[in-house]
Amino acid sequence: MLTLYGIKTCDTMKKARAWLEAQGHPYAFHDYKTQGISAETLHGWARELGWEALLNRAGTTFRKLPEAEKQGLTEARAIALMLAQPSMIKRPVLDLGPRRMLGFSPESYARALG
């Protein structure tokens, strides 16, 4: 079964969920804002997808950080920020089992899911 990670109220998440449902792909939904996310999971995603891609710098939560916290980010500091504020994790993350996908587009989901 697929697992879709994100935040329930996010517009992109709503589009991804609607697409999966319309295409008949069953999935489990994990809201990392309410259910949390483990450091182990984030470290794995960072290794696979790259921490720079995983960190949502465009979001309000990141933009509201003091400039000093945004400068000189390392993987460890970025993961600590994402653990403290899961809204800083780019979304959605679609867990396909052997690999993960970051972000949503109907074309990329169609290619990945056949």
Protein backbone atom coordinates (compact mmCIF):
# COMPACT_ATOMS: atom_id res chain seq x y z
CA MET A 1 0.00 0.00 0.00
CA LEU A 2 1.12 3.54 -0.74
CA THR A 3 1.60 6.02 2.07
CA LEU A 4 1.10 9.72 1.46
CA TYR A 5 2.83 11.99 3.97
CA GLY A 6 1.92 15.62 4.43
CA ILE A 7 -0.45 18.03 6.10
CA LYS A 8 -4.20 17.58 5.73
CA THR A 9 -5.01 21.24 5.07
CA CYS A 10 -2.34 21.84 2.41
CA ASP A 11 -3.77 22.60 -1.06
CA THR A 12 -1.13 20.49 -2.84
CA MET A 13 -1.94 17.61 -0.51
CA LYS A 14 -5.62 17.92 -1.39
CA LYS A 15 -4.73 17.70 -5.10
CA ALA A 16 -2.51 14.65 -4.56
CA ARG A 17 -5.17 12.89 -2.49
CA ALA A 18 -7.88 13.68 -5.04
CA TRP A 19 -5.68 12.38 -7.87
CA LEU A 20 -4.90 9.11 -6.05
CA GLU A 21 -8.58 8.58 -5.25
CA ALA A 22 -9.74 9.41 -8.80
CA GLN A 23 -7.22 6.95 -10.23
CA GLY A 24 -8.26 4.22 -7.80
CA HIS A 25 -4.96 3.98 -5.93
CA PRO A 26 -5.54 3.03 -2.28
CA TYR A 27 -3.22 4.77 0.14
CA ALA A 28 -2.67 5.45 3.81
CA PHE A 29 -2.42 9.10 4.82
CA HIS A 30 0.07 10.23 7.46
CA ASP A 31 -0.37 13.81 8.65
CA TYR A 32 3.03 14.63 10.05
CA LYS A 33 1.74 17.79 11.67
CA THR A 34 -0.66 15.86 13.93
CA GLN A 35 0.97 12.39 13.95
CA GLY A 36 4.58 13.54 13.98
CA ILE A 37 7.51 12.12 12.08
CA SER A 38 10.52 10.24 13.40
CA ALA A 39 14.10 11.43 13.12
CA GLU A 40 14.94 8.07 11.55
CA THR A 41 12.35 8.62 8.79
CA LEU A 42 13.58 12.14 8.09
CA HIS A 43 17.21 10.98 7.96
CA GLY A 44 16.23 8.28 5.46
CA TRP A 45 14.32 10.73 3.30
CA ALA A 46 17.23 13.18 3.43
CA ARG A 47 19.64 10.45 2.24
CA GLU A 48 17.29 9.47 -0.58
CA LEU A 49 15.84 12.80 -1.68
CA GLY A 50 18.40 15.29 -0.37
CA TRP A 51 17.80 17.46 2.69
CA GLU A 52 17.84 20.62 0.57
CA ALA A 53 14.89 19.34 -1.49
CA LEU A 54 13.08 18.08 1.62
CA LEU A 55 13.22 21.43 3.45
CA ASN A 56 10.32 23.66 2.42
CA ARG A 57 12.05 27.05 2.26
CA ALA A 58 9.08 28.61 0.43
CA GLY A 59 6.64 28.00 3.28
CA THR A 60 5.54 30.55 5.84
CA THR A 61 7.03 28.61 8.76
CA PHE A 62 10.55 28.73 7.31
CA ARG A 63 10.24 32.32 6.13
CA LYS A 64 9.27 33.43 9.67
CA LEU A 65 12.47 32.02 11.16
CA PRO A 66 15.06 34.55 12.32
CA GLU A 67 17.70 35.13 9.63
CA ALA A 68 20.38 33.65 11.88
CA GLU A 69 18.56 30.29 11.89
CA LYS A 70 18.26 30.25 8.10
CA GLN A 71 21.95 30.89 7.45
CA GLY A 72 24.55 28.16 7.20
CA LEU A 73 22.10 25.28 7.33
CA THR A 74 23.49 21.78 7.51
CA GLU A 75 21.61 18.53 7.13
CA ALA A 76 21.58 18.04 10.91
CA ARG A 77 20.22 21.54 11.58
CA ALA A 78 17.63 21.24 8.79
CA ILE A 79 16.39 17.91 10.15
CA ALA A 80 16.19 19.40 13.65
CA LEU A 81 14.08 22.27 12.25
CA MET A 82 11.79 19.84 10.39
CA LEU A 83 11.35 17.69 13.51
CA ALA A 84 10.47 20.75 15.57
CA GLN A 85 8.19 22.22 12.89
CA PRO A 86 6.88 19.52 10.52
CA SER A 87 5.35 22.27 8.36
CA MET A 88 8.90 22.81 7.10
CA ILE A 89 8.88 19.42 5.37
CA LYS A 90 8.08 19.79 1.68
CA ARG A 91 4.93 17.96 0.73
CA PRO A 92 3.65 15.61 -0.27
CA VAL A 93 6.04 12.74 0.20
CA LEU A 94 4.64 9.64 -1.51
CA ASP A 95 6.11 6.39 -0.21
CA LEU A 96 6.02 3.83 -3.01
CA GLY A 97 7.73 1.14 -0.92
CA PRO A 98 11.10 0.85 -2.65
CA ARG A 99 11.38 4.61 -3.20
CA ARG A 100 9.81 7.95 -2.33
CA MET A 101 8.60 10.86 -4.45
CA LEU A 102 8.65 14.47 -3.33
CA GLY A 103 6.03 16.98 -4.49
CA PHE A 104 3.02 16.38 -6.69
CA SER A 105 2.22 16.55 -10.35
CA PRO A 106 -0.36 14.38 -12.10
CA GLU A 107 2.25 13.46 -14.73
CA SER A 108 4.88 12.28 -12.26
CA TYR A 109 2.34 10.28 -10.26
CA ALA A 110 0.97 8.70 -13.46
CA ARG A 111 4.49 7.69 -14.54
CA ALA A 112 5.34 6.26 -11.13
CA LEU A 113 2.08 4.38 -10.65
CA GLY A 114 1.46 3.29 -14.22
